Amino acid sequence: MKIHLLRSRATRQQLDEMLEALGGYVKLAVDIQRGILAGGGALHADCEDVLLDDGSRQEDVWGADWIPSTQQIRYEALINIRPRQNNPAMDILDPSIRDRIAEIVTHLLGGV
């Protein structure tokens, strides 16, 4: 099980390695300020830790799932429960945050 930190478009090998943990989808943590993501592993929190270790700020990191077969994003993760940031749910409620995540994920993982 491998978590990749992506600053540029993923290779097919990187995506395959990220898929090893769960098969049909990849857990992600996305830094909406830096435009990077970490993906793979069994928990969104593991991906979040990779970004935090790389210098991301926790308030900029959001959890999502990438489903390569359908090129879809799910915006649900335990790390998204943030009442102090007006997000009291596992789902990301703010459409602008969802749009930014979609932009980053599509750029780094779309079509791979």
C-alpha atoms as a PDB file:
ATOM      1  CA  MET A   1       0.000   0.000   0.000  1.00  0.00           C
ATOM      2  CA  LYS A   2       1.597   3.204  -1.178  1.00  0.00           C
ATOM      3  CA  ILE A   3       0.624   6.822  -0.697  1.00  0.00           C
ATOM      4  CA  HIS A   4       1.846   9.169  -3.406  1.00  0.00           C
ATOM      5  CA  LEU A   5       2.308  12.910  -3.012  1.00  0.00           C
ATOM      6  CA  LEU A   6       1.406  14.433  -6.367  1.00  0.00           C
ATOM      7  CA  ARG A   7       2.572  17.836  -7.518  1.00  0.00           C
ATOM      8  CA  SER A   8       2.268  16.918 -11.191  1.00  0.00           C
ATOM      9  CA  ARG A   9       0.135  14.563 -13.245  1.00  0.00           C
ATOM     10  CA  ALA A  10       0.124  10.966 -11.981  1.00  0.00           C
ATOM     11  CA  THR A  11       1.595   8.187 -14.048  1.00  0.00           C
ATOM     12  CA  ARG A  12      -0.358   4.984 -14.697  1.00  0.00           C
ATOM     13  CA  GLN A  13       2.024   3.176 -12.326  1.00  0.00           C
ATOM     14  CA  GLN A  14       1.389   5.688  -9.531  1.00  0.00           C
ATOM     15  CA  LEU A  15      -2.384   5.351  -9.960  1.00  0.00           C
ATOM     16  CA  ASP A  16      -2.129   1.553  -9.935  1.00  0.00           C
ATOM     17  CA  GLU A  17      -0.101   1.702  -6.708  1.00  0.00           C
ATOM     18  CA  MET A  18      -2.647   4.060  -5.129  1.00  0.00           C
ATOM     19  CA  LEU A  19      -5.452   1.660  -6.108  1.00  0.00           C
ATOM     20  CA  GLU A  20      -3.768  -1.316  -4.383  1.00  0.00           C
ATOM     21  CA  ALA A  21      -5.282  -0.497  -0.969  1.00  0.00           C
ATOM     22  CA  LEU A  22      -8.954  -0.360  -1.969  1.00  0.00           C
ATOM     23  CA  GLY A  23      -9.225  -1.610  -5.542  1.00  0.00           C
ATOM     24  CA  GLY A  24     -11.899   0.489  -7.250  1.00  0.00           C
ATOM     25  CA  TYR A  25     -11.150   3.891  -5.778  1.00  0.00           C
ATOM     26  CA  VAL A  26      -8.417   5.979  -4.156  1.00  0.00           C
ATOM     27  CA  LYS A  27      -8.656   7.898  -0.876  1.00  0.00           C
ATOM     28  CA  LEU A  28      -7.257  11.388  -1.229  1.00  0.00           C
ATOM     29  CA  ALA A  29      -6.305  14.417   0.803  1.00  0.00           C
ATOM     30  CA  VAL A  30      -6.190  17.579  -1.287  1.00  0.00           C
ATOM     31  CA  ASP A  31      -4.451  20.839  -0.355  1.00  0.00           C
ATOM     32  CA  ILE A  32      -6.688  23.456  -1.965  1.00  0.00           C
ATOM     33  CA  GLN A  33      -4.138  26.267  -1.474  1.00  0.00           C
ATOM     34  CA  ARG A  34      -1.035  24.511  -2.789  1.00  0.00           C
ATOM     35  CA  GLY A  35      -2.855  22.602  -5.550  1.00  0.00           C
ATOM     36  CA  ILE A  36      -1.373  19.218  -4.594  1.00  0.00           C
ATOM     37  CA  LEU A  37      -2.744  15.950  -3.272  1.00  0.00           C
ATOM     38  CA  ALA A  38      -1.758  12.754  -1.529  1.00  0.00           C
ATOM     39  CA  GLY A  39      -3.520   9.559  -2.542  1.00  0.00           C
ATOM     40  CA  GLY A  40      -3.561   5.880  -1.629  1.00  0.00           C
ATOM     41  CA  GLY A  41      -3.717   3.999   1.629  1.00  0.00           C
ATOM     42  CA  ALA A  42      -6.710   2.917   3.672  1.00  0.00           C
ATOM     43  CA  LEU A  43      -7.536   6.194   5.444  1.00  0.00           C
ATOM     44  CA  HIS A  44      -7.949   9.810   4.363  1.00  0.00           C
ATOM     45  CA  ALA A  45      -6.046  10.700   7.543  1.00  0.00           C
ATOM     46  CA  ASP A  46      -2.964   8.825   6.285  1.00  0.00           C
ATOM     47  CA  CYS A  47      -2.988  10.974   3.150  1.00  0.00           C
ATOM     48  CA  GLU A  48      -3.581  14.094   5.247  1.00  0.00           C
ATOM     49  CA  ASP A  49      -0.489  13.233   7.337  1.00  0.00           C
ATOM     50  CA  VAL A  50       1.650  13.081   4.180  1.00  0.00           C
ATOM     51  CA  LEU A  51       0.528  16.584   3.204  1.00  0.00           C
ATOM     52  CA  LEU A  52       0.991  17.975   6.718  1.00  0.00           C
ATOM     53  CA  ASP A  53       4.505  16.497   6.837  1.00  0.00           C
ATOM     54  CA  ASP A  54       5.169  18.276   3.524  1.00  0.00           C
ATOM     55  CA  GLY A  55       4.168  21.659   4.946  1.00  0.00           C
ATOM     56  CA  SER A  56       0.441  21.904   4.221  1.00  0.00           C
ATOM     57  CA  ARG A  57      -1.821  23.653   6.711  1.00  0.00           C
ATOM     58  CA  GLN A  58      -4.576  21.450   8.144  1.00  0.00           C
ATOM     59  CA  GLU A  59      -7.312  23.971   7.346  1.00  0.00           C
ATOM     60  CA  ASP A  60      -6.377  23.756   3.635  1.00  0.00           C
ATOM     61  CA  VAL A  61      -6.510  19.935   3.454  1.00  0.00           C
ATOM     62  CA  TRP A  62      -9.777  18.184   2.567  1.00  0.00           C
ATOM     63  CA  GLY A  63     -10.639  14.534   2.033  1.00  0.00           C
ATOM     64  CA  ALA A  64     -12.173  13.008  -1.079  1.00  0.00           C
ATOM     65  CA  ASP A  65     -12.256   9.793  -3.101  1.00  0.00           C
ATOM     66  CA  TRP A  66     -11.288   9.349  -6.761  1.00  0.00           C
ATOM     67  CA  ILE A  67     -13.016   6.682  -8.830  1.00  0.00           C
ATOM     68  CA  PRO A  68     -10.885   6.253 -11.966  1.00  0.00           C
ATOM     69  CA  SER A  69     -13.315   3.998 -13.853  1.00  0.00           C
ATOM     70  CA  THR A  70     -15.971   6.741 -13.910  1.00  0.00           C
ATOM     71  CA  GLN A  71     -13.657   9.757 -13.418  1.00  0.00           C
ATOM     72  CA  GLN A  72     -15.834  10.793 -10.457  1.00  0.00           C
ATOM     73  CA  ILE A  73     -15.015  12.434  -7.140  1.00  0.00           C
ATOM     74  CA  ARG A  74     -16.777  11.776  -3.846  1.00  0.00           C
ATOM     75  CA  TYR A  75     -16.439  14.552  -1.279  1.00  0.00           C
ATOM     76  CA  GLU A  76     -16.992  12.527   1.893  1.00  0.00           C
ATOM     77  CA  ALA A  77     -14.381  11.864   4.595  1.00  0.00           C
ATOM     78  CA  LEU A  78     -14.073  11.948   8.363  1.00  0.00           C
ATOM     79  CA  ILE A  79     -11.311  14.551   8.092  1.00  0.00           C
ATOM     80  CA  ASN A  80     -13.884  16.948   6.592  1.00  0.00           C
ATOM     81  CA  ILE A  81     -15.844  17.284   9.853  1.00  0.00           C
ATOM     82  CA  ARG A  82     -14.857  20.839  10.822  1.00  0.00           C
ATOM     83  CA  PRO A  83     -17.475  22.861  12.644  1.00  0.00           C
ATOM     84  CA  ARG A  84     -15.002  25.755  13.071  1.00  0.00           C
ATOM     85  CA  GLN A  85     -14.767  25.964   9.250  1.00  0.00           C
ATOM     86  CA  ASN A  86     -18.554  25.762   8.822  1.00  0.00           C
ATOM     87  CA  ASN A  87     -18.399  22.128   7.728  1.00  0.00           C
ATOM     88  CA  PRO A  88     -20.125  20.030  10.420  1.00  0.00           C
ATOM     89  CA  ALA A  89     -20.545  17.010   8.117  1.00  0.00           C
ATOM     90  CA  MET A  90     -18.384  14.367   6.459  1.00  0.00           C
ATOM     91  CA  ASP A  91     -19.478  15.789   3.087  1.00  0.00           C
ATOM     92  CA  ILE A  92     -17.828  19.003   1.920  1.00  0.00           C
ATOM     93  CA  LEU A  93     -20.680  21.504   1.977  1.00  0.00           C
ATOM     94  CA  ASP A  94     -19.017  24.562   0.391  1.00  0.00           C
ATOM     95  CA  PRO A  95     -19.379  24.458  -3.422  1.00  0.00           C
ATOM     96  CA  SER A  96     -16.240  26.582  -3.910  1.00  0.00           C
ATOM     97  CA  ILE A  97     -14.128  24.042  -1.983  1.00  0.00           C
ATOM     98  CA  ARG A  98     -15.672  21.206  -4.035  1.00  0.00           C
ATOM     99  CA  ASP A  99     -14.899  23.096  -7.258  1.00  0.00           C
ATOM    100  CA  ARG A 100     -11.262  23.658  -6.224  1.00  0.00           C
ATOM    101  CA  ILE A 101     -10.855  19.982  -5.306  1.00  0.00           C
ATOM    102  CA  ALA A 102     -12.366  18.940  -8.649  1.00  0.00           C
ATOM    103  CA  GLU A 103      -9.933  21.242 -10.484  1.00  0.00           C
ATOM    104  CA  ILE A 104      -6.889  19.797  -8.680  1.00  0.00           C
ATOM    105  CA  VAL A 105      -7.977  16.146  -8.857  1.00  0.00           C
ATOM    106  CA  THR A 106      -8.921  16.382 -12.532  1.00  0.00           C
ATOM    107  CA  HIS A 107      -5.596  18.028 -13.328  1.00  0.00           C
ATOM    108  CA  LEU A 108      -3.497  15.472 -11.414  1.00  0.00           C
ATOM    109  CA  LEU A 109      -5.523  12.248 -11.903  1.00  0.00           C
ATOM    110  CA  GLY A 110      -8.050  12.808 -14.686  1.00  0.00           C
ATOM    111  CA  GLY A 111      -7.685  10.548 -17.690  1.00  0.00           C
ATOM    112  CA  VAL A 112      -4.903   8.440 -16.151  1.00  0.00           C
END
